[in-house]
């Protein structure tokens, strides 16, 4: 408008500037422009801005698989380098397996020895059972001999009593009486011997039965394969075999090798980090939204994302997969102590996990740590 005024001749400018109708028209146009802008902004806010929340505090992340050995050993071979893509099951690191092979051979020999030892237990069961039967027969024979010895003693005692009674009347000679006395003494000694033999046979029978029971406890309700000694030896053999297999370290997931630390000749212990495998095909985005933006954010809502790597020409589509259980400050190594000292309120940010479309991720790969911009549609 100032240009229009300046375009007028100098003699007509004061008249235009002082024209009330012209000024009214200018104010009307200005008011209409402001009202149109307000309506446009209100429509934009109602239809778009109020239904979307955005942040540029977002970064690509992935569940990185850290490769560690399960057994101690010396690195014999490293088959990969950083940035190399690998598939699940590929051999990455090989440890020296000499000790593992020796341990396996020892475990296999111990298993064979345990099997033979248990087979001996079962064979002993049969032998001890036969011994118990023999001792039982000896016990029965000793019992019969004891009965016979008692009968002999009773007969000898009766004969001696008769001859002692006849000896008083002179009907029996002294020699016959002496023979009767000797027969009684012999029968008495035989009885004592039979009693001792009976006790001995009973003790032998009990010992045989006890040995049989003791051996049966080693074989009760088992076979050679299921015997505890064999099972223990077999478990040690399997453990040694597993330790041998663990000297070959394989990739657990598809991905790209990163942070390789393993070197040939290095002595490593179980749990020592050797390298990492980053599954870029399963990457996601951790977007840190302000707490004031999260009132309408829900799991499953659609998200549009752009990466600084590709700029606005590539748009990723994802979904809200979940919200963190706490803000970054809550999980910091040294959390803020807001209950002490001077306090200034700081708006917190909460990590929101966003799952990406695998097809889009395959077409335009991303690397962990790259910057992203995320916009969540909260209307759905």
Protein backbone atom coordinates (compact mmCIF):
# COMPACT_ATOMS: atom_id res chain seq x y z
CA UNK A 1 0.00 0.00 0.00
CA UNK A 2 2.90 2.32 0.73
CA UNK A 3 4.11 1.67 -2.81
CA UNK A 4 0.66 2.69 -4.17
CA UNK A 5 0.74 5.90 -2.18
CA UNK A 6 4.23 6.68 -3.38
CA UNK A 7 3.13 6.05 -6.96
CA UNK A 8 0.58 8.88 -6.78
CA UNK A 9 1.55 12.35 -7.84
CA UNK A 10 2.81 14.56 -5.06
CA UNK A 11 -0.19 16.83 -5.34
CA UNK A 12 -2.68 13.96 -4.84
CA UNK A 13 -0.90 12.12 -1.93
CA UNK A 14 -2.34 14.21 0.88
CA UNK A 15 -5.83 13.71 -0.45
CA UNK A 16 -5.49 9.93 -0.56
CA UNK A 17 -3.94 9.72 2.87
CA UNK A 18 -6.74 11.76 4.32
CA UNK A 19 -9.49 9.78 2.56
CA UNK A 20 -11.51 7.95 5.25
CA UNK A 21 -12.95 5.47 2.80
CA UNK A 22 -9.54 4.46 1.59
CA UNK A 23 -8.30 3.91 5.14
CA UNK A 24 -11.39 1.91 6.03
CA UNK A 25 -10.84 -0.29 3.03
CA UNK A 26 -7.21 -0.86 4.04
CA UNK A 27 -8.16 -1.77 7.62
CA UNK A 28 -10.87 -4.10 6.34
CA UNK A 29 -8.37 -5.90 4.13
CA UNK A 30 -5.89 -6.16 7.01
CA UNK A 31 -8.52 -7.49 9.40
CA UNK A 32 -9.65 -10.02 6.79
CA UNK A 33 -6.07 -11.23 6.30
CA UNK A 34 -5.54 -11.62 10.05
CA UNK A 35 -8.85 -13.43 10.45
CA UNK A 36 -8.06 -15.75 7.54
CA UNK A 37 -4.65 -16.53 9.04
CA UNK A 38 -6.26 -17.22 12.43
CA UNK A 39 -8.86 -19.48 10.85
CA UNK A 40 -6.19 -21.29 8.86
CA UNK A 41 -4.02 -21.75 11.93
CA UNK A 42 -7.01 -22.89 13.97
CA UNK A 43 -7.95 -25.40 11.30
CA UNK A 44 -4.35 -26.61 11.10
CA UNK A 45 -4.15 -26.96 14.88
CA UNK A 46 -7.53 -28.72 15.12
CA UNK A 47 -7.08 -31.06 12.19
CA UNK A 48 -3.33 -31.71 12.22
CA UNK A 49 -1.14 -30.17 14.91
CA UNK A 50 -3.28 -31.14 17.91
CA UNK A 51 -3.34 -34.74 16.70
CA UNK A 52 0.39 -35.14 16.18
CA UNK A 53 3.41 -34.96 18.46
CA UNK A 54 6.93 -34.75 17.08
CA UNK A 55 10.51 -34.86 18.26
CA UNK A 56 13.95 -34.78 16.71
CA UNK A 57 15.44 -36.40 19.83
CA UNK A 58 15.22 -39.87 18.32
CA UNK A 59 17.89 -42.40 17.42
CA UNK A 60 18.16 -45.78 15.74
CA UNK A 61 18.73 -48.67 18.15
CA UNK A 62 18.90 -52.47 18.02
CA UNK A 63 19.10 -55.44 20.38
CA UNK A 64 22.85 -55.96 20.01
CA UNK A 65 24.03 -59.55 20.50
CA UNK A 66 27.28 -59.59 22.43
CA UNK A 67 29.36 -62.66 21.65
CA UNK A 68 31.09 -64.26 24.66
CA UNK A 69 32.67 -67.72 25.04
CA UNK A 70 31.03 -70.27 27.32
CA UNK A 71 34.33 -72.03 28.04
CA UNK A 72 37.82 -70.77 28.70
CA UNK A 73 40.45 -71.22 26.03
CA UNK A 74 42.96 -69.69 23.65
CA UNK A 75 41.68 -68.01 20.49
CA UNK A 76 42.82 -70.15 17.58
CA UNK A 77 41.09 -68.36 14.71
CA UNK A 78 38.92 -65.27 14.13
CA UNK A 79 36.95 -65.57 10.91
CA UNK A 80 35.31 -62.12 10.74
CA UNK A 81 36.20 -58.44 10.85
CA UNK A 82 34.25 -55.33 11.81
CA UNK A 83 31.44 -54.30 9.38
CA UNK A 84 31.22 -57.83 7.96
CA UNK A 85 27.64 -59.12 7.54
CA UNK A 86 27.01 -62.57 8.99
CA UNK A 87 24.15 -65.06 9.14
CA UNK A 88 22.92 -66.97 12.18
CA UNK A 89 25.03 -70.11 12.53
CA UNK A 90 28.15 -68.72 10.83
CA UNK A 91 31.42 -69.56 12.60
CA UNK A 92 32.94 -66.39 14.01
CA UNK A 93 35.64 -67.48 16.46
CA UNK A 94 37.39 -70.82 17.05
CA UNK A 95 39.13 -71.69 20.34
CA UNK A 96 41.91 -74.24 20.76
CA UNK A 97 40.12 -77.53 21.48
CA UNK A 98 43.01 -79.78 22.63
CA UNK A 99 42.04 -79.65 26.31
CA UNK A 100 38.37 -80.17 25.48
CA UNK A 101 39.17 -83.27 23.41
CA UNK A 102 41.24 -84.76 26.24
CA UNK A 103 38.45 -84.08 28.73
CA UNK A 104 35.97 -85.78 26.41
CA UNK A 105 38.19 -88.86 26.04
CA UNK A 106 38.56 -89.06 29.83
CA UNK A 107 34.80 -88.73 30.33
CA UNK A 108 34.10 -91.46 27.77
CA UNK A 109 36.56 -93.79 29.50
CA UNK A 110 34.95 -93.08 32.87
CA UNK A 111 31.54 -93.87 31.39
CA UNK A 112 32.78 -97.23 30.08
CA UNK A 113 34.29 -98.03 33.48
CA UNK A 114 31.06 -97.11 35.26
CA UNK A 115 29.06 -99.39 32.95
CA UNK A 116 31.37 -102.32 33.68
CA UNK A 117 31.28 -101.61 37.39
CA UNK A 118 27.47 -101.64 37.40
CA UNK A 119 27.43 -104.84 35.37
CA UNK A 120 29.57 -106.28 38.16
CA UNK A 121 26.93 -105.22 40.66
CA UNK A 122 24.28 -107.21 38.83
CA UNK A 123 26.60 -110.22 38.62
CA UNK A 124 27.29 -109.95 42.36
CA UNK A 125 23.56 -110.05 43.00
CA UNK A 126 23.41 -113.54 41.52
CA UNK A 127 26.52 -114.75 43.36
CA UNK A 128 25.42 -113.36 46.71
CA UNK A 129 21.95 -114.82 46.26
CA UNK A 130 23.55 -118.25 45.70
CA UNK A 131 25.71 -117.79 48.79
CA UNK A 132 22.64 -116.89 50.84
CA UNK A 133 20.92 -120.09 49.65
CA UNK A 134 24.02 -122.15 50.57
CA UNK A 135 24.14 -120.57 54.02
CA UNK A 136 20.46 -121.30 54.44
CA UNK A 137 21.12 -124.97 53.65
CA UNK A 138 24.03 -124.98 56.10
CA UNK A 139 21.72 -123.52 58.72
CA UNK A 140 19.15 -126.28 58.14
CA UNK A 141 21.84 -128.97 58.34
CA UNK A 142 23.25 -127.50 61.55
CA UNK A 143 19.77 -127.45 63.03
CA UNK A 144 19.33 -131.15 62.17
CA UNK A 145 22.72 -131.98 63.66
CA UNK A 146 21.75 -130.10 66.79
CA UNK A 147 18.58 -132.17 67.12
CA UNK A 148 20.59 -135.38 66.64
CA UNK A 149 23.17 -134.29 69.22
CA UNK A 150 20.45 -133.58 71.75
CA UNK A 151 18.94 -137.01 71.12
CA UNK A 152 22.34 -138.68 71.51
CA UNK A 153 22.90 -136.82 74.75
CA UNK A 154 19.50 -137.87 76.10
CA UNK A 155 20.17 -141.52 75.19
CA UNK A 156 23.65 -141.43 76.72
CA UNK A 157 22.26 -139.87 79.87
CA UNK A 158 19.60 -142.56 80.13
CA UNK A 159 22.15 -145.35 79.64
CA UNK A 160 24.38 -143.82 82.28
CA UNK A 161 21.51 -143.60 84.78
CA UNK A 162 20.61 -147.28 84.25
CA UNK A 163 24.15 -148.49 84.68
CA UNK A 164 24.64 -146.36 87.75
CA UNK A 165 21.55 -148.00 89.31
CA UNK A 166 22.72 -151.53 88.39
CA UNK A 167 26.26 -150.84 89.53
CA UNK A 168 25.05 -150.58 93.13
CA UNK A 169 23.74 -154.14 93.03
CA UNK A 170 26.84 -155.45 91.25
CA UNK A 171 24.92 -156.35 88.06
CA UNK A 172 27.11 -154.05 85.92
CA UNK A 173 30.85 -154.12 85.82
CA UNK A 174 32.96 -151.09 86.43
CA UNK A 175 34.11 -151.11 82.84
CA UNK A 176 30.55 -150.87 81.51
CA UNK A 177 29.84 -148.01 83.87
CA UNK A 178 33.01 -146.27 82.75
CA UNK A 179 32.02 -146.71 79.09
CA UNK A 180 28.59 -145.25 79.79
CA UNK A 181 30.12 -142.26 81.48
CA UNK A 182 32.46 -141.70 78.54
CA UNK A 183 29.57 -141.99 76.07
CA UNK A 184 27.62 -139.38 78.06
CA UNK A 185 30.57 -136.98 78.07
CA UNK A 186 31.07 -137.46 74.34
CA UNK A 187 27.39 -136.85 73.63
CA UNK A 188 27.47 -133.72 75.77
CA UNK A 189 30.51 -132.40 73.90
CA UNK A 190 28.88 -133.22 70.57
CA UNK A 191 25.79 -131.26 71.61
CA UNK A 192 27.88 -128.22 72.48
CA UNK A 193 29.69 -128.50 69.15
CA UNK A 194 26.37 -128.80 67.32
CA UNK A 195 25.04 -125.74 69.14
CA UNK A 196 28.14 -123.73 68.19
CA UNK A 197 27.87 -124.93 64.58
CA UNK A 198 24.20 -123.91 64.50
CA UNK A 199 25.06 -120.42 65.75
CA UNK A 200 27.87 -120.14 63.24
CA UNK A 201 25.67 -121.21 60.33
CA UNK A 202 22.99 -118.75 61.40
CA UNK A 203 25.56 -115.94 61.57
CA UNK A 204 26.91 -116.91 58.14
CA UNK A 205 23.41 -116.90 56.71
CA UNK A 206 22.70 -113.44 58.12
CA UNK A 207 26.00 -112.13 56.75
CA UNK A 208 25.22 -113.53 53.31
CA UNK A 209 21.73 -112.00 53.37
CA UNK A 210 23.18 -108.66 54.51
CA UNK A 211 25.75 -108.65 51.70
CA UNK A 212 23.01 -109.47 49.20
CA UNK A 213 20.82 -106.61 50.44
CA UNK A 214 23.75 -104.18 50.41
CA UNK A 215 24.53 -105.08 46.82
CA UNK A 216 20.87 -104.94 45.83
CA UNK A 217 20.68 -101.32 46.97
CA UNK A 218 23.14 -100.55 44.17
CA UNK A 219 20.94 -102.18 41.54
CA UNK A 220 17.39 -101.85 42.88
CA UNK A 221 14.83 -100.63 40.30
CA UNK A 222 17.55 -99.88 37.74
CA UNK A 223 19.27 -101.33 34.72
CA UNK A 224 22.82 -100.76 33.56
CA UNK A 225 21.70 -97.74 31.50
CA UNK A 226 19.57 -96.17 34.24
CA UNK A 227 21.90 -96.81 37.16
CA UNK A 228 22.86 -93.53 38.92
CA UNK A 229 26.60 -94.16 38.55
CA UNK A 230 26.24 -94.69 34.81
CA UNK A 231 23.88 -91.71 34.51
CA UNK A 232 26.41 -89.47 36.30
CA UNK A 233 29.26 -90.64 34.10
CA UNK A 234 27.10 -90.15 31.01
CA UNK A 235 26.21 -86.59 32.10
CA UNK A 236 29.92 -85.80 32.52
CA UNK A 237 30.56 -87.24 29.07
CA UNK A 238 27.79 -85.09 27.60
CA UNK A 239 29.17 -82.02 29.38
CA UNK A 240 32.63 -82.69 27.97
CA UNK A 241 31.13 -83.13 24.51
CA UNK A 242 29.23 -79.85 24.91
CA UNK A 243 32.37 -78.03 26.03
CA UNK A 244 34.14 -79.31 22.92
CA UNK A 245 31.33 -78.01 20.72
CA UNK A 246 31.50 -74.65 22.49
CA UNK A 247 35.06 -74.10 21.31
CA UNK A 248 33.46 -73.16 17.97
CA UNK A 249 31.59 -69.89 18.54
CA UNK A 250 28.80 -69.12 16.07
CA UNK A 251 26.58 -66.14 15.36
CA UNK A 252 23.23 -66.32 17.13
CA UNK A 253 21.46 -63.82 14.86
CA UNK A 254 21.80 -62.26 11.43
CA UNK A 255 23.57 -58.92 11.51
CA UNK A 256 26.78 -56.95 11.10
CA UNK A 257 29.95 -57.52 13.13
CA UNK A 258 30.96 -54.64 15.39
CA UNK A 259 33.39 -53.99 18.26
CA UNK A 260 35.60 -56.96 17.48
CA UNK A 261 38.08 -57.44 20.33
CA UNK A 262 39.15 -61.07 19.84
CA UNK A 263 42.69 -61.64 18.60
CA UNK A 264 44.47 -64.87 17.66
CA UNK A 265 46.47 -66.23 20.60
CA UNK A 266 44.44 -64.36 23.19
CA UNK A 267 43.59 -66.32 26.33
CA UNK A 268 39.94 -65.72 27.18
CA UNK A 269 37.74 -66.76 30.07
CA UNK A 270 34.08 -67.66 29.94
CA UNK A 271 32.06 -64.47 29.54
CA UNK A 272 34.86 -62.37 28.01
CA UNK A 273 33.38 -60.05 25.32
CA UNK A 274 34.83 -61.02 21.93
CA UNK A 275 32.69 -59.05 19.49
CA UNK A 276 29.13 -57.88 18.87
CA UNK A 277 26.61 -58.67 16.16
CA UNK A 278 24.17 -55.86 15.36
CA UNK A 279 20.88 -57.12 13.84
CA UNK A 280 20.23 -54.09 11.63
CA UNK A 281 17.29 -55.83 9.95
CA UNK A 282 15.49 -55.68 13.31
CA UNK A 283 16.42 -52.11 14.19
CA UNK A 284 13.95 -49.85 15.96
CA UNK A 285 13.85 -46.20 17.00
CA UNK A 286 14.02 -44.84 20.54
CA UNK A 287 12.27 -41.47 20.43
CA UNK A 288 12.57 -39.28 23.54
CA UNK A 289 9.36 -37.25 23.84
CA UNK A 290 8.72 -34.56 26.41
CA UNK A 291 6.40 -35.62 29.18
CA UNK A 292 3.88 -32.94 28.14
CA UNK A 293 3.54 -34.63 24.74
CA UNK A 294 2.63 -38.10 25.98
CA UNK A 295 -0.90 -37.68 27.30
CA UNK A 296 -2.45 -39.12 24.13
CA UNK A 297 0.35 -41.46 23.01
CA UNK A 298 -0.72 -45.12 23.01
CA UNK A 299 0.82 -48.38 21.88
CA UNK A 300 -0.03 -49.19 18.26
CA UNK A 301 -0.38 -45.60 17.01
CA UNK A 302 1.18 -44.93 13.58
CA UNK A 303 4.44 -43.00 13.31
CA UNK A 304 6.16 -41.29 10.41
CA UNK A 305 9.92 -40.95 10.61
CA UNK A 306 12.70 -39.40 8.58
CA UNK A 307 16.41 -40.03 8.95
CA UNK A 308 19.13 -37.42 8.68
CA UNK A 309 20.97 -39.99 6.57
CA UNK A 310 18.42 -39.79 3.73
CA UNK A 311 16.67 -36.52 4.51
CA UNK A 312 13.00 -35.89 3.83
CA UNK A 313 12.98 -37.85 0.58
CA UNK A 314 12.68 -41.14 2.49
CA UNK A 315 9.79 -41.49 4.95
CA UNK A 316 9.62 -44.52 7.25
CA UNK A 317 6.34 -45.77 8.65
CA UNK A 318 6.24 -47.44 12.03
CA UNK A 319 4.13 -48.01 15.11
CA UNK A 320 4.50 -47.24 18.78
CA UNK A 321 5.73 -50.50 20.31
CA UNK A 322 5.94 -49.40 23.92
CA UNK A 323 6.78 -46.70 26.44
CA UNK A 324 9.73 -46.95 28.80
CA UNK A 325 9.13 -47.69 32.46
CA UNK A 326 10.91 -44.50 33.50
CA UNK A 327 12.59 -41.37 32.22
CA UNK A 328 16.24 -41.19 31.35
CA UNK A 329 16.97 -39.35 34.58
CA UNK A 330 15.38 -42.14 36.63
CA UNK A 331 17.78 -44.72 35.16
CA UNK A 332 20.86 -42.52 35.19
CA UNK A 333 23.92 -43.86 36.98
CA UNK A 334 23.73 -40.87 39.32
CA UNK A 335 20.01 -39.98 39.48
CA UNK A 336 18.96 -36.43 40.31
CA UNK A 337 18.33 -35.76 44.00
CA UNK A 338 15.43 -33.33 43.71
CA UNK A 339 14.70 -33.46 47.44
CA UNK A 340 17.93 -31.67 48.37
CA UNK A 341 19.38 -28.25 47.64
CA UNK A 342 17.95 -25.68 45.26
CA UNK A 343 15.54 -27.19 42.79
CA UNK A 344 14.63 -26.11 39.29
CA UNK A 345 11.94 -28.00 37.43
CA UNK A 346 13.18 -29.56 34.21
CA UNK A 347 10.81 -31.09 31.69
CA UNK A 348 11.62 -34.79 31.52
CA UNK A 349 11.75 -36.96 28.43
CA UNK A 350 10.45 -40.51 28.23
CA UNK A 351 11.84 -43.01 25.68
CA UNK A 352 9.18 -44.33 23.30
CA UNK A 353 10.06 -47.44 21.30
CA UNK A 354 8.96 -47.33 17.67
CA UNK A 355 8.93 -50.45 15.49
CA UNK A 356 9.88 -49.89 11.86
CA UNK A 357 8.45 -51.48 8.73
CA UNK A 358 10.90 -54.31 7.80
CA UNK A 359 10.35 -53.77 4.07
CA UNK A 360 11.19 -50.07 4.28
CA UNK A 361 14.15 -50.85 6.52
CA UNK A 362 15.44 -53.35 3.98
CA UNK A 363 15.05 -50.86 1.14
CA UNK A 364 16.77 -48.08 3.07
CA UNK A 365 19.07 -49.60 5.75
CA UNK A 366 19.89 -47.73 8.93
CA UNK A 367 22.75 -48.02 11.39
CA UNK A 368 22.55 -47.89 15.16
CA UNK A 369 22.85 -44.40 16.60
CA UNK A 370 21.68 -42.43 13.55
CA UNK A 371 19.46 -39.40 14.19
CA UNK A 372 15.75 -39.56 13.33
CA UNK A 373 12.72 -37.30 13.45
CA UNK A 374 9.50 -38.95 14.60
CA UNK A 375 5.89 -37.78 14.38
CA UNK A 376 3.16 -39.79 16.12
CA UNK A 377 -0.44 -39.60 14.97
CA UNK A 378 -2.33 -39.60 18.27
CA UNK A 379 -5.77 -39.49 16.65
CA UNK A 380 -5.82 -43.27 16.17
